[in-house]
Amino acid sequence: MPYHSLMKAELFWRIVKHEVKRQNTSFEWLYRKTSIAKGTFSSWKNRNIIPRADAVYKIAAALKVSSEYLLTGLDRFRKQSNPLMNEIVETMVFFDNNDLKAVAALVQSLALRYAAGVKRRG
């Protein structure tokens, strides 16, 4: 399987895991809600496979998110017009909490600089 496909599957499963945790639910709940067997889920996750479109839709519907969000980390309503910003957001899905805290600190620091009137060029 090409590296790019593995990255997309890893992204998909990381987002699903994130949403399950964020919504304070469980994979057991997700299996029941989608009527997809636990073994099927496990096989997809262990083999790093993105499910068929109908299963992605069921998972997205159960989690009340868009299929696009599960597949890309972005939602068509939240996409930025700046391609670099989209790339940054897509990459951040792979960050752990420490990485995200560091990014948040950097963004807050830059926001303070801009608020103080210090503008960067480039």
PDB file of N, CA and C in Angstrom:
ATOM      1  N   MET A   1       0.843  -1.174   0.000  1.00  0.00           N
ATOM      2  CA  MET A   1       0.000   0.000   0.000  1.00  0.00           C
ATOM      3  C   MET A   1       0.893   1.244   0.000  1.00  0.00           C
ATOM      4  N   PRO A   2       0.589   2.217  -0.849  1.00  0.00           N
ATOM      5  CA  PRO A   2       1.412   3.425  -0.894  1.00  0.00           C
ATOM      6  C   PRO A   2       1.399   4.164   0.438  1.00  0.00           C
ATOM      7  N   TYR A   3       2.509   4.831   0.721  1.00  0.00           N
ATOM      8  CA  TYR A   3       2.664   5.580   1.965  1.00  0.00           C
ATOM      9  C   TYR A   3       1.538   6.584   2.141  1.00  0.00           C
ATOM     10  N   HIS A   4       1.172   7.268   1.052  1.00  0.00           N
ATOM     11  CA  HIS A   4       0.120   8.285   1.117  1.00  0.00           C
ATOM     12  C   HIS A   4      -1.196   7.674   1.607  1.00  0.00           C
ATOM     13  N   SER A   5      -1.527   6.476   1.130  1.00  0.00           N
ATOM     14  CA  SER A   5      -2.757   5.803   1.555  1.00  0.00           C
ATOM     15  C   SER A   5      -2.694   5.434   3.025  1.00  0.00           C
ATOM     16  N   LEU A   6      -1.517   4.989   3.482  1.00  0.00           N
ATOM     17  CA  LEU A   6      -1.360   4.664   4.895  1.00  0.00           C
ATOM     18  C   LEU A   6      -1.550   5.901   5.758  1.00  0.00           C
ATOM     19  N   MET A   7      -1.020   7.031   5.302  1.00  0.00           N
ATOM     20  CA  MET A   7      -1.167   8.277   6.049  1.00  0.00           C
ATOM     21  C   MET A   7      -2.645   8.652   6.151  1.00  0.00           C
ATOM     22  N   LYS A   8      -3.381   8.514   5.063  1.00  0.00           N
ATOM     23  CA  LYS A   8      -4.796   8.863   5.078  1.00  0.00           C
ATOM     24  C   LYS A   8      -5.574   7.938   6.001  1.00  0.00           C
ATOM     25  N   ALA A   9      -5.246   6.647   6.008  1.00  0.00           N
ATOM     26  CA  ALA A   9      -5.920   5.707   6.901  1.00  0.00           C
ATOM     27  C   ALA A   9      -5.578   6.022   8.354  1.00  0.00           C
ATOM     28  N   GLU A  10      -4.316   6.331   8.616  1.00  0.00           N
ATOM     29  CA  GLU A  10      -3.911   6.695   9.979  1.00  0.00           C
ATOM     30  C   GLU A  10      -4.648   7.953  10.425  1.00  0.00           C
ATOM     31  N   LEU A  11      -4.760   8.927   9.540  1.00  0.00           N
ATOM     32  CA  LEU A  11      -5.490  10.157   9.834  1.00  0.00           C
ATOM     33  C   LEU A  11      -6.948   9.837  10.152  1.00  0.00           C
ATOM     34  N   PHE A  12      -7.573   9.016   9.320  1.00  0.00           N
ATOM     35  CA  PHE A  12      -8.972   8.639   9.521  1.00  0.00           C
ATOM     36  C   PHE A  12      -9.184   8.044  10.904  1.00  0.00           C
ATOM     37  N   TRP A  13      -8.370   7.052  11.267  1.00  0.00           N
ATOM     38  CA  TRP A  13      -8.555   6.372  12.550  1.00  0.00           C
ATOM     39  C   TRP A  13      -8.194   7.264  13.728  1.00  0.00           C
ATOM     40  N   ARG A  14      -7.241   8.149  13.544  1.00  0.00           N
ATOM     41  CA  ARG A  14      -6.900   9.083  14.625  1.00  0.00           C
ATOM     42  C   ARG A  14      -8.066  10.039  14.871  1.00  0.00           C
ATOM     43  N   ILE A  15      -8.705  10.500  13.796  1.00  0.00           N
ATOM     44  CA  ILE A  15      -9.845  11.402  13.945  1.00  0.00           C
ATOM     45  C   ILE A  15     -11.024  10.677  14.581  1.00  0.00           C
ATOM     46  N   VAL A  16     -11.285   9.441  14.160  1.00  0.00           N
ATOM     47  CA  VAL A  16     -12.372   8.669  14.767  1.00  0.00           C
ATOM     48  C   VAL A  16     -12.116   8.512  16.264  1.00  0.00           C
ATOM     49  N   LYS A  17     -10.901   8.126  16.619  1.00  0.00           N
ATOM     50  CA  LYS A  17     -10.545   7.962  18.037  1.00  0.00           C
ATOM     51  C   LYS A  17     -10.716   9.279  18.793  1.00  0.00           C
ATOM     52  N   HIS A  18     -10.259  10.371  18.178  1.00  0.00           N
ATOM     53  CA  HIS A  18     -10.392  11.698  18.797  1.00  0.00           C
ATOM     54  C   HIS A  18     -11.861  12.028  19.046  1.00  0.00           C
ATOM     55  N   GLU A  19     -12.715  11.790  18.068  1.00  0.00           N
ATOM     56  CA  GLU A  19     -14.135  12.118  18.206  1.00  0.00           C
ATOM     57  C   GLU A  19     -14.807  11.237  19.254  1.00  0.00           C
ATOM     58  N   VAL A  20     -14.456   9.966  19.296  1.00  0.00           N
ATOM     59  CA  VAL A  20     -15.024   9.073  20.313  1.00  0.00           C
ATOM     60  C   VAL A  20     -14.673   9.607  21.697  1.00  0.00           C
ATOM     61  N   LYS A  21     -13.418   9.996  21.877  1.00  0.00           N
ATOM     62  CA  LYS A  21     -12.975  10.522  23.166  1.00  0.00           C
ATOM     63  C   LYS A  21     -13.616  11.880  23.463  1.00  0.00           C
ATOM     64  N   ARG A  22     -13.606  12.777  22.461  1.00  0.00           N
ATOM     65  CA  ARG A  22     -14.154  14.121  22.641  1.00  0.00           C
ATOM     66  C   ARG A  22     -15.633  14.069  23.020  1.00  0.00           C
ATOM     67  N   GLN A  23     -16.347  13.115  22.455  1.00  0.00           N
ATOM     68  CA  GLN A  23     -17.778  12.999  22.707  1.00  0.00           C
ATOM     69  C   GLN A  23     -18.079  12.131  23.935  1.00  0.00           C
ATOM     70  N   ASN A  24     -17.009  11.748  24.627  1.00  0.00           N
ATOM     71  CA  ASN A  24     -17.148  10.978  25.862  1.00  0.00           C
ATOM     72  C   ASN A  24     -17.994   9.718  25.649  1.00  0.00           C
ATOM     73  N   THR A  25     -17.661   8.998  24.597  1.00  0.00           N
ATOM     74  CA  THR A  25     -18.364   7.760  24.285  1.00  0.00           C
ATOM     75  C   THR A  25     -17.320   6.656  24.161  1.00  0.00           C
ATOM     76  N   SER A  26     -17.639   5.571  23.486  1.00  0.00           N
ATOM     77  CA  SER A  26     -16.705   4.449  23.358  1.00  0.00           C
ATOM     78  C   SER A  26     -16.831   3.812  21.985  1.00  0.00           C
ATOM     79  N   PHE A  27     -15.835   3.002  21.650  1.00  0.00           N
ATOM     80  CA  PHE A  27     -15.928   2.261  20.402  1.00  0.00           C
ATOM     81  C   PHE A  27     -17.052   1.238  20.480  1.00  0.00           C
ATOM     82  N   GLU A  28     -17.294   0.691  21.658  1.00  0.00           N
ATOM     83  CA  GLU A  28     -18.419  -0.250  21.833  1.00  0.00           C
ATOM     84  C   GLU A  28     -19.721   0.424  21.412  1.00  0.00           C
ATOM     85  N   TRP A  29     -19.912   1.665  21.860  1.00  0.00           N
ATOM     86  CA  TRP A  29     -21.103   2.422  21.478  1.00  0.00           C
ATOM     87  C   TRP A  29     -21.146   2.606  19.965  1.00  0.00           C
ATOM     88  N   LEU A  30     -19.982   2.927  19.371  1.00  0.00           N
ATOM     89  CA  LEU A  30     -19.904   3.167  17.928  1.00  0.00           C
ATOM     90  C   LEU A  30     -20.237   1.901  17.141  1.00  0.00           C
ATOM     91  N   TYR A  31     -19.768   0.728  17.615  1.00  0.00           N
ATOM     92  CA  TYR A  31     -20.100  -0.541  16.942  1.00  0.00           C
ATOM     93  C   TYR A  31     -21.610  -0.736  16.920  1.00  0.00           C
ATOM     94  N   ARG A  32     -22.229  -0.518  18.079  1.00  0.00           N
ATOM     95  CA  ARG A  32     -23.691  -0.714  18.175  1.00  0.00           C
ATOM     96  C   ARG A  32     -24.443   0.309  17.330  1.00  0.00           C
ATOM     97  N   LYS A  33     -24.024   1.558  17.402  1.00  0.00           N
ATOM     98  CA  LYS A  33     -24.717   2.650  16.705  1.00  0.00           C
ATOM     99  C   LYS A  33     -24.659   2.475  15.176  1.00  0.00           C
ATOM    100  N   THR A  34     -23.536   1.958  14.679  1.00  0.00           N
ATOM    101  CA  THR A  34     -23.364   1.812  13.230  1.00  0.00           C
ATOM    102  C   THR A  34     -23.782   0.440  12.713  1.00  0.00           C
ATOM    103  N   SER A  35     -24.016  -0.507  13.618  1.00  0.00           N
ATOM    104  CA  SER A  35     -24.305  -1.904  13.257  1.00  0.00           C
ATOM    105  C   SER A  35     -23.153  -2.524  12.468  1.00  0.00           C
ATOM    106  N   ILE A  36     -21.944  -2.076  12.747  1.00  0.00           N
ATOM    107  CA  ILE A  36     -20.746  -2.656  12.132  1.00  0.00           C
ATOM    108  C   ILE A  36     -20.083  -3.514  13.202  1.00  0.00           C
ATOM    109  N   ALA A  37     -19.786  -4.759  12.846  1.00  0.00           N
ATOM    110  CA  ALA A  37     -19.226  -5.707  13.808  1.00  0.00           C
ATOM    111  C   ALA A  37     -17.890  -5.223  14.364  1.00  0.00           C
ATOM    112  N   LYS A  38     -17.679  -5.519  15.639  1.00  0.00           N
ATOM    113  CA  LYS A  38     -16.431  -5.146  16.306  1.00  0.00           C
ATOM    114  C   LYS A  38     -15.229  -5.723  15.559  1.00  0.00           C
ATOM    115  N   GLY A  39     -15.340  -6.957  15.094  1.00  0.00           N
ATOM    116  CA  GLY A  39     -14.248  -7.595  14.352  1.00  0.00           C
ATOM    117  C   GLY A  39     -13.916  -6.867  13.063  1.00  0.00           C
ATOM    118  N   THR A  40     -14.945  -6.352  12.412  1.00  0.00           N
ATOM    119  CA  THR A  40     -14.732  -5.593  11.176  1.00  0.00           C
ATOM    120  C   THR A  40     -13.978  -4.306  11.479  1.00  0.00           C
ATOM    121  N   PHE A  41     -14.425  -3.592  12.510  1.00  0.00           N
ATOM    122  CA  PHE A  41     -13.719  -2.381  12.934  1.00  0.00           C
ATOM    123  C   PHE A  41     -12.261  -2.699  13.256  1.00  0.00           C
ATOM    124  N   SER A  42     -12.053  -3.741  14.053  1.00  0.00           N
ATOM    125  CA  SER A  42     -10.692  -4.113  14.465  1.00  0.00           C
ATOM    126  C   SER A  42      -9.826  -4.439  13.263  1.00  0.00           C
ATOM    127  N   SER A  43     -10.391  -5.152  12.315  1.00  0.00           N
ATOM    128  CA  SER A  43      -9.638  -5.500  11.108  1.00  0.00           C
ATOM    129  C   SER A  43      -9.231  -4.255  10.338  1.00  0.00           C
ATOM    130  N   TRP A  44     -10.164  -3.329  10.170  1.00  0.00           N
ATOM    131  CA  TRP A  44      -9.842  -2.089   9.468  1.00  0.00           C
ATOM    132  C   TRP A  44      -8.749  -1.327  10.194  1.00  0.00           C
ATOM    133  N   LYS A  45      -8.913  -1.176  11.514  1.00  0.00           N
ATOM    134  CA  LYS A  45      -7.938  -0.409  12.294  1.00  0.00           C
ATOM    135  C   LYS A  45      -6.568  -1.087  12.294  1.00  0.00           C
ATOM    136  N   ASN A  46      -6.539  -2.397  12.542  1.00  0.00           N
ATOM    137  CA  ASN A  46      -5.262  -3.112  12.628  1.00  0.00           C
ATOM    138  C   ASN A  46      -4.534  -3.166  11.291  1.00  0.00           C
ATOM    139  N   ARG A  47      -5.287  -3.232  10.208  1.00  0.00           N
ATOM    140  CA  ARG A  47      -4.677  -3.289   8.878  1.00  0.00           C
ATOM    141  C   ARG A  47      -4.513  -1.903   8.273  1.00  0.00           C
ATOM    142  N   ASN A  48      -4.924  -0.874   9.040  1.00  0.00           N
ATOM    143  CA  ASN A  48      -4.805   0.518   8.603  1.00  0.00           C
ATOM    144  C   ASN A  48      -5.522   0.743   7.270  1.00  0.00           C
ATOM    145  N   ILE A  49      -6.795   0.408   7.272  1.00  0.00           N
ATOM    146  CA  ILE A  49      -7.627   0.507   6.070  1.00  0.00           C
ATOM    147  C   ILE A  49      -8.759   1.497   6.322  1.00  0.00           C
ATOM    148  N   ILE A  50      -9.013   2.337   5.355  1.00  0.00           N
ATOM    149  CA  ILE A  50     -10.189   3.208   5.409  1.00  0.00           C
ATOM    150  C   ILE A  50     -11.378   2.364   4.942  1.00  0.00           C
ATOM    151  N   PRO A  51     -12.459   2.365   5.701  1.00  0.00           N
ATOM    152  CA  PRO A  51     -13.635   1.574   5.308  1.00  0.00           C
ATOM    153  C   PRO A  51     -14.249   2.063   3.995  1.00  0.00           C
ATOM    154  N   ARG A  52     -15.161   1.251   3.466  1.00  0.00           N
ATOM    155  CA  ARG A  52     -15.916   1.645   2.265  1.00  0.00           C
ATOM    156  C   ARG A  52     -16.714   2.908   2.575  1.00  0.00           C
ATOM    157  N   ALA A  53     -17.130   3.591   1.541  1.00  0.00           N
ATOM    158  CA  ALA A  53     -17.838   4.868   1.690  1.00  0.00           C
ATOM    159  C   ALA A  53     -19.092   4.738   2.551  1.00  0.00           C
ATOM    160  N   ASP A  54     -19.857   3.650   2.395  1.00  0.00           N
ATOM    161  CA  ASP A  54     -21.075   3.511   3.187  1.00  0.00           C
ATOM    162  C   ASP A  54     -20.768   3.372   4.677  1.00  0.00           C
ATOM    163  N   ALA A  55     -19.676   2.705   5.012  1.00  0.00           N
ATOM    164  CA  ALA A  55     -19.287   2.558   6.414  1.00  0.00           C
ATOM    165  C   ALA A  55     -18.749   3.882   6.960  1.00  0.00           C
ATOM    166  N   VAL A  56     -17.982   4.606   6.150  1.00  0.00           N
ATOM    167  CA  VAL A  56     -17.495   5.927   6.578  1.00  0.00           C
ATOM    168  C   VAL A  56     -18.693   6.822   6.874  1.00  0.00           C
ATOM    169  N   TYR A  57     -19.695   6.761   6.021  1.00  0.00           N
ATOM    170  CA  TYR A  57     -20.897   7.572   6.231  1.00  0.00           C
ATOM    171  C   TYR A  57     -21.587   7.200   7.540  1.00  0.00           C
ATOM    172  N   LYS A  58     -21.726   5.911   7.810  1.00  0.00           N
ATOM    173  CA  LYS A  58     -22.365   5.458   9.058  1.00  0.00           C
ATOM    174  C   LYS A  58     -21.589   5.937  10.286  1.00  0.00           C
ATOM    175  N   ILE A  59     -20.276   5.838  10.220  1.00  0.00           N
ATOM    176  CA  ILE A  59     -19.430   6.277  11.337  1.00  0.00           C
ATOM    177  C   ILE A  59     -19.583   7.782  11.537  1.00  0.00           C
ATOM    178  N   ALA A  60     -19.529   8.528  10.431  1.00  0.00           N
ATOM    179  CA  ALA A  60     -19.674   9.990  10.508  1.00  0.00           C
ATOM    180  C   ALA A  60     -21.049  10.363  11.068  1.00  0.00           C
ATOM    181  N   ALA A  61     -22.083   9.700  10.594  1.00  0.00           N
ATOM    182  CA  ALA A  61     -23.435  10.002  11.067  1.00  0.00           C
ATOM    183  C   ALA A  61     -23.570   9.707  12.558  1.00  0.00           C
ATOM    184  N   ALA A  62     -23.012   8.602  13.010  1.00  0.00           N
ATOM    185  CA  ALA A  62     -23.080   8.244  14.431  1.00  0.00           C
ATOM    186  C   ALA A  62     -22.365   9.283  15.283  1.00  0.00           C
ATOM    187  N   LEU A  63     -21.238   9.779  14.783  1.00  0.00           N
ATOM    188  CA  LEU A  63     -20.452  10.765  15.527  1.00  0.00           C
ATOM    189  C   LEU A  63     -20.921  12.201  15.282  1.00  0.00           C
ATOM    190  N   LYS A  64     -21.909  12.346  14.383  1.00  0.00           N
ATOM    191  CA  LYS A  64     -22.458  13.665  14.037  1.00  0.00           C
ATOM    192  C   LYS A  64     -21.386  14.616  13.512  1.00  0.00           C
ATOM    193  N   VAL A  65     -20.557  14.080  12.616  1.00  0.00           N
ATOM    194  CA  VAL A  65     -19.550  14.869  11.909  1.00  0.00           C
ATOM    195  C   VAL A  65     -19.678  14.530  10.429  1.00  0.00           C
ATOM    196  N   SER A  66     -18.975  15.254   9.578  1.00  0.00           N
ATOM    197  CA  SER A  66     -19.047  14.959   8.151  1.00  0.00           C
ATOM    198  C   SER A  66     -18.054  13.864   7.774  1.00  0.00           C
ATOM    199  N   SER A  67     -18.366  13.155   6.711  1.00  0.00           N
ATOM    200  CA  SER A  67     -17.432  12.159   6.183  1.00  0.00           C
ATOM    201  C   SER A  67     -16.139  12.839   5.764  1.00  0.00           C
ATOM    202  N   GLU A  68     -16.264  14.029   5.194  1.00  0.00           N
ATOM    203  CA  GLU A  68     -15.081  14.778   4.769  1.00  0.00           C
ATOM    204  C   GLU A  68     -14.148  15.033   5.957  1.00  0.00           C
ATOM    205  N   TYR A  69     -14.727  15.389   7.095  1.00  0.00           N
ATOM    206  CA  TYR A  69     -13.922  15.637   8.286  1.00  0.00           C
ATOM    207  C   TYR A  69     -13.176  14.365   8.703  1.00  0.00           C
ATOM    208  N   LEU A  70     -13.859  13.222   8.695  1.00  0.00           N
ATOM    209  CA  LEU A  70     -13.192  11.974   9.077  1.00  0.00           C
ATOM    210  C   LEU A  70     -12.064  11.615   8.111  1.00  0.00           C
ATOM    211  N   LEU A  71     -12.235  11.941   6.851  1.00  0.00           N
ATOM    212  CA  LEU A  71     -11.253  11.558   5.835  1.00  0.00           C
ATOM    213  C   LEU A  71     -10.101  12.546   5.689  1.00  0.00           C
ATOM    214  N   THR A  72     -10.337  13.819   6.011  1.00  0.00           N
ATOM    215  CA  THR A  72      -9.300  14.830   5.762  1.00  0.00           C
ATOM    216  C   THR A  72      -8.889  15.632   6.990  1.00  0.00           C
ATOM    217  N   GLY A  73      -9.717  15.599   8.014  1.00  0.00           N
ATOM    218  CA  GLY A  73      -9.448  16.445   9.166  1.00  0.00           C
ATOM    219  C   GLY A  73     -10.022  17.836   8.996  1.00  0.00           C
ATOM    220  N   LEU A  74     -10.559  18.104   7.847  1.00  0.00           N
ATOM    221  CA  LEU A  74     -11.169  19.411   7.560  1.00  0.00           C
ATOM    222  C   LEU A  74     -12.629  19.216   7.219  1.00  0.00           C
ATOM    223  N   ASP A  75     -13.377  20.237   7.413  1.00  0.00           N
ATOM    224  CA  ASP A  75     -14.781  20.225   7.059  1.00  0.00           C
ATOM    225  C   ASP A  75     -14.969  21.304   6.007  1.00  0.00           C
ATOM    226  N   ARG A  76     -15.795  21.049   5.024  1.00  0.00           N
ATOM    227  CA  ARG A  76     -15.922  22.034   3.946  1.00  0.00           C
ATOM    228  C   ARG A  76     -16.370  23.385   4.464  1.00  0.00           C
ATOM    229  N   PHE A  77     -17.029  23.423   5.598  1.00  0.00           N
ATOM    230  CA  PHE A  77     -17.453  24.701   6.151  1.00  0.00           C
ATOM    231  C   PHE A  77     -16.351  25.369   6.951  1.00  0.00           C
ATOM    232  N   ARG A  78     -15.316  24.609   7.311  1.00  0.00           N
ATOM    233  CA  ARG A  78     -14.240  25.167   8.118  1.00  0.00           C
ATOM    234  C   ARG A  78     -12.954  25.331   7.328  1.00  0.00           C
ATOM    235  N   LYS A  79     -12.944  24.943   6.064  1.00  0.00           N
ATOM    236  CA  LYS A  79     -11.718  25.068   5.272  1.00  0.00           C
ATOM    237  C   LYS A  79     -11.323  26.525   5.141  1.00  0.00           C
ATOM    238  N   GLN A  80     -10.050  26.745   5.190  1.00  0.00           N
ATOM    239  CA  GLN A  80      -9.517  28.085   5.040  1.00  0.00           C
ATOM    240  C   GLN A  80      -9.226  28.340   3.559  1.00  0.00           C
ATOM    241  N   SER A  81      -9.228  29.592   3.164  1.00  0.00           N
ATOM    242  CA  SER A  81      -8.921  29.910   1.780  1.00  0.00           C
ATOM    243  C   SER A  81      -7.420  29.825   1.517  1.00  0.00           C
ATOM    244  N   ASN A  82      -6.630  29.804   2.575  1.00  0.00           N
ATOM    245  CA  ASN A  82      -5.183  29.747   2.446  1.00  0.00           C
ATOM    246  C   ASN A  82      -4.718  28.289   2.429  1.00  0.00           C
ATOM    247  N   PRO A  83      -4.169  27.788   1.317  1.00  0.00           N
ATOM    248  CA  PRO A  83      -3.736  26.389   1.239  1.00  0.00           C
ATOM    249  C   PRO A  83      -2.693  26.017   2.292  1.00  0.00           C
ATOM    250  N   LEU A  84      -1.823  26.961   2.641  1.00  0.00           N
ATOM    251  CA  LEU A  84      -0.816  26.682   3.664  1.00  0.00           C
ATOM    252  C   LEU A  84      -1.489  26.421   5.014  1.00  0.00           C
ATOM    253  N   MET A  85      -2.527  27.191   5.318  1.00  0.00           N
ATOM    254  CA  MET A  85      -3.243  26.985   6.570  1.00  0.00           C
ATOM    255  C   MET A  85      -3.917  25.610   6.584  1.00  0.00           C
ATOM    256  N   ASN A  86      -4.495  25.206   5.451  1.00  0.00           N
ATOM    257  CA  ASN A  86      -5.097  23.870   5.360  1.00  0.00           C
ATOM    258  C   ASN A  86      -4.056  22.789   5.621  1.00  0.00           C
ATOM    259  N   GLU A  87      -2.873  22.949   5.040  1.00  0.00           N
ATOM    260  CA  GLU A  87      -1.798  21.973   5.230  1.00  0.00           C
ATOM    261  C   GLU A  87      -1.381  21.903   6.698  1.00  0.00           C
ATOM    262  N   ILE A  88      -1.291  23.045   7.345  1.00  0.00           N
ATOM    263  CA  ILE A  88      -0.919  23.083   8.762  1.00  0.00           C
ATOM    264  C   ILE A  88      -1.973  22.371   9.603  1.00  0.00           C
ATOM    265  N   VAL A  89      -3.239  22.669   9.351  1.00  0.00           N
ATOM    266  CA  VAL A  89      -4.325  22.046  10.117  1.00  0.00           C
ATOM    267  C   VAL A  89      -4.336  20.533   9.906  1.00  0.00           C
ATOM    268  N   GLU A  90      -4.170  20.084   8.675  1.00  0.00           N
ATOM    269  CA  GLU A  90      -4.150  18.641   8.390  1.00  0.00           C
ATOM    270  C   GLU A  90      -3.000  17.961   9.122  1.00  0.00           C
ATOM    271  N   THR A  91      -1.856  18.595   9.176  1.00  0.00           N
ATOM    272  CA  THR A  91      -0.689  18.029   9.849  1.00  0.00           C
ATOM    273  C   THR A  91      -0.902  17.953  11.355  1.00  0.00           C
ATOM    274  N   MET A  92      -1.572  18.945  11.919  1.00  0.00           N
ATOM    275  CA  MET A  92      -1.754  18.992  13.370  1.00  0.00           C
ATOM    276  C   MET A  92      -2.610  17.853  13.902  1.00  0.00           C
ATOM    277  N   VAL A  93      -3.367  17.196  13.060  1.00  0.00           N
ATOM    278  CA  VAL A  93      -4.166  16.059  13.506  1.00  0.00           C
ATOM    279  C   VAL A  93      -3.265  14.978  14.097  1.00  0.00           C
ATOM    280  N   PHE A  94      -2.021  14.908  13.654  1.00  0.00           N
ATOM    281  CA  PHE A  94      -1.087  13.893  14.131  1.00  0.00           C
ATOM    282  C   PHE A  94      -0.389  14.292  15.426  1.00  0.00           C
ATOM    283  N   PHE A  95      -0.571  15.511  15.892  1.00  0.00           N
ATOM    284  CA  PHE A  95       0.125  15.995  17.077  1.00  0.00           C
ATOM    285  C   PHE A  95      -0.484  15.404  18.341  1.00  0.00           C
ATOM    286  N   ASP A  96       0.379  15.174  19.332  1.00  0.00           N
ATOM    287  CA  ASP A  96      -0.137  14.773  20.644  1.00  0.00           C
ATOM    288  C   ASP A  96      -0.427  16.042  21.446  1.00  0.00           C
ATOM    289  N   ASN A  97      -0.903  15.885  22.684  1.00  0.00           N
ATOM    290  CA  ASN A  97      -1.275  17.054  23.485  1.00  0.00           C
ATOM    291  C   ASN A  97      -0.120  18.002  23.737  1.00  0.00           C
ATOM    292  N   ASN A  98       1.079  17.467  23.960  1.00  0.00           N
ATOM    293  CA  ASN A  98       2.233  18.343  24.184  1.00  0.00           C
ATOM    294  C   ASN A  98       2.538  19.180  22.946  1.00  0.00           C
ATOM    295  N   ASP A  99       2.468  18.554  21.778  1.00  0.00           N
ATOM    296  CA  ASP A  99       2.685  19.294  20.525  1.00  0.00           C
ATOM    297  C   ASP A  99       1.635  20.390  20.363  1.00  0.00           C
ATOM    298  N   LEU A 100       0.377  20.045  20.637  1.00  0.00           N
ATOM    299  CA  LEU A 100      -0.705  21.019  20.483  1.00  0.00           C
ATOM    300  C   LEU A 100      -0.548  22.177  21.471  1.00  0.00           C
ATOM    301  N   LYS A 101      -0.093  21.889  22.687  1.00  0.00           N
ATOM    302  CA  LYS A 101       0.152  22.955  23.664  1.00  0.00           C
ATOM    303  C   LYS A 101       1.253  23.888  23.177  1.00  0.00           C
ATOM    304  N   ALA A 102       2.300  23.316  22.568  1.00  0.00           N
ATOM    305  CA  ALA A 102       3.396  24.137  22.040  1.00  0.00           C
ATOM    306  C   ALA A 102       2.897  25.022  20.894  1.00  0.00           C
ATOM    307  N   VAL A 103       2.081  24.449  20.010  1.00  0.00           N
ATOM    308  CA  VAL A 103       1.528  25.228  18.899  1.00  0.00           C
ATOM    309  C   VAL A 103       0.623  26.330  19.445  1.00  0.00           C
ATOM    310  N   ALA A 104      -0.207  26.003  20.430  1.00  0.00           N
ATOM    311  CA  ALA A 104      -1.101  27.002  21.021  1.00  0.00           C
ATOM    312  C   ALA A 104      -0.302  28.143  21.638  1.00  0.00           C
ATOM    313  N   ALA A 105       0.787  27.818  22.330  1.00  0.00           N
ATOM    314  CA  ALA A 105       1.632  28.859  22.935  1.00  0.00           C
ATOM    315  C   ALA A 105       2.243  29.747  21.855  1.00  0.00           C
ATOM    316  N   LEU A 106       2.707  29.141  20.771  1.00  0.00           N
ATOM    317  CA  LEU A 106       3.286  29.909  19.670  1.00  0.00           C
ATOM    318  C   LEU A 106       2.234  30.832  19.045  1.00  0.00           C
ATOM    319  N   VAL A 107       1.053  30.295  18.790  1.00  0.00           N
ATOM    320  CA  VAL A 107      -0.013  31.095  18.177  1.00  0.00           C
ATOM    321  C   VAL A 107      -0.415  32.246  19.097  1.00  0.00           C
ATOM    322  N   GLN A 108      -0.526  31.971  20.406  1.00  0.00           N
ATOM    323  CA  GLN A 108      -0.875  33.031  21.349  1.00  0.00           C
ATOM    324  C   GLN A 108       0.202  34.113  21.384  1.00  0.00           C
ATOM    325  N   SER A 109       1.450  33.688  21.338  1.00  0.00           N
ATOM    326  CA  SER A 109       2.557  34.650  21.330  1.00  0.00           C
ATOM    327  C   SER A 109       2.518  35.517  20.078  1.00  0.00           C
ATOM    328  N   LEU A 110       2.291  34.910  18.946  1.00  0.00           N
ATOM    329  CA  LEU A 110       2.196  35.677  17.697  1.00  0.00           C
ATOM    330  C   LEU A 110       0.995  36.619  17.723  1.00  0.00           C
ATOM    331  N   ALA A 111      -0.130  36.153  18.274  1.00  0.00           N
ATOM    332  CA  ALA A 111      -1.324  36.994  18.353  1.00  0.00           C
ATOM    333  C   ALA A 111      -1.054  38.224  19.217  1.00  0.00           C
ATOM    334  N   LEU A 112      -0.319  38.033  20.302  1.00  0.00           N
ATOM    335  CA  LEU A 112       0.032  39.170  21.159  1.00  0.00           C
ATOM    336  C   LEU A 112       0.928  40.160  20.421  1.00  0.00           C
ATOM    337  N   ARG A 113       1.872  39.637  19.632  1.00  0.00           N
ATOM    338  CA  ARG A 113       2.744  40.520  18.842  1.00  0.00           C
ATOM    339  C   ARG A 113       1.928  41.331  17.851  1.00  0.00           C
ATOM    340  N   TYR A 114       0.979  40.674  17.169  1.00  0.00           N
ATOM    341  CA  TYR A 114       0.152  41.393  16.210  1.00  0.00           C
ATOM    342  C   TYR A 114      -0.744  42.406  16.904  1.00  0.00           C
ATOM    343  N   ALA A 115      -1.279  42.034  18.060  1.00  0.00           N
ATOM    344  CA  ALA A 115      -2.129  42.948  18.821  1.00  0.00           C
ATOM    345  C   ALA A 115      -1.346  44.185  19.269  1.00  0.00           C
ATOM    346  N   ALA A 116      -0.062  43.992  19.501  1.00  0.00           N
ATOM    347  CA  ALA A 116       0.794  45.103  19.940  1.00  0.00           C
ATOM    348  C   ALA A 116       1.267  45.950  18.758  1.00  0.00           C
ATOM    349  N   GLY A 117       0.882  45.562  17.543  1.00  0.00           N
ATOM    350  CA  GLY A 117       1.244  46.352  16.379  1.00  0.00           C
ATOM    351  C   GLY A 117       2.521  45.924  15.697  1.00  0.00           C
ATOM    352  N   VAL A 118       3.108  44.837  16.107  1.00  0.00           N
ATOM    353  CA  VAL A 118       4.328  44.346  15.462  1.00  0.00           C
ATOM    354  C   VAL A 118       3.887  43.404  14.357  1.00  0.00           C
ATOM    355  N   LYS A 119       4.112  43.815  13.136  1.00  0.00           N
ATOM    356  CA  LYS A 119       3.706  42.994  12.000  1.00  0.00           C
ATOM    357  C   LYS A 119       4.932  42.450  11.296  1.00  0.00           C
ATOM    358  N   ARG A 120       4.825  41.194  10.912  1.00  0.00           N
ATOM    359  CA  ARG A 120       5.912  40.553  10.191  1.00  0.00           C
ATOM    360  C   ARG A 120       5.644  40.632   8.706  1.00  0.00           C
ATOM    361  N   ARG A 121       6.667  40.702   7.954  1.00  0.00           N
ATOM    362  CA  ARG A 121       6.549  40.693   6.488  1.00  0.00           C
ATOM    363  C   ARG A 121       6.979  39.346   5.975  1.00  0.00           C
ATOM    364  N   GLY A 122       6.343  38.908   4.850  1.00  0.00           N
ATOM    365  CA  GLY A 122       6.799  37.677   4.231  1.00  0.00           C
ATOM    366  C   GLY A 122       5.832  36.668   4.109  1.00  0.00           C
TER     367      GLY A 122
END
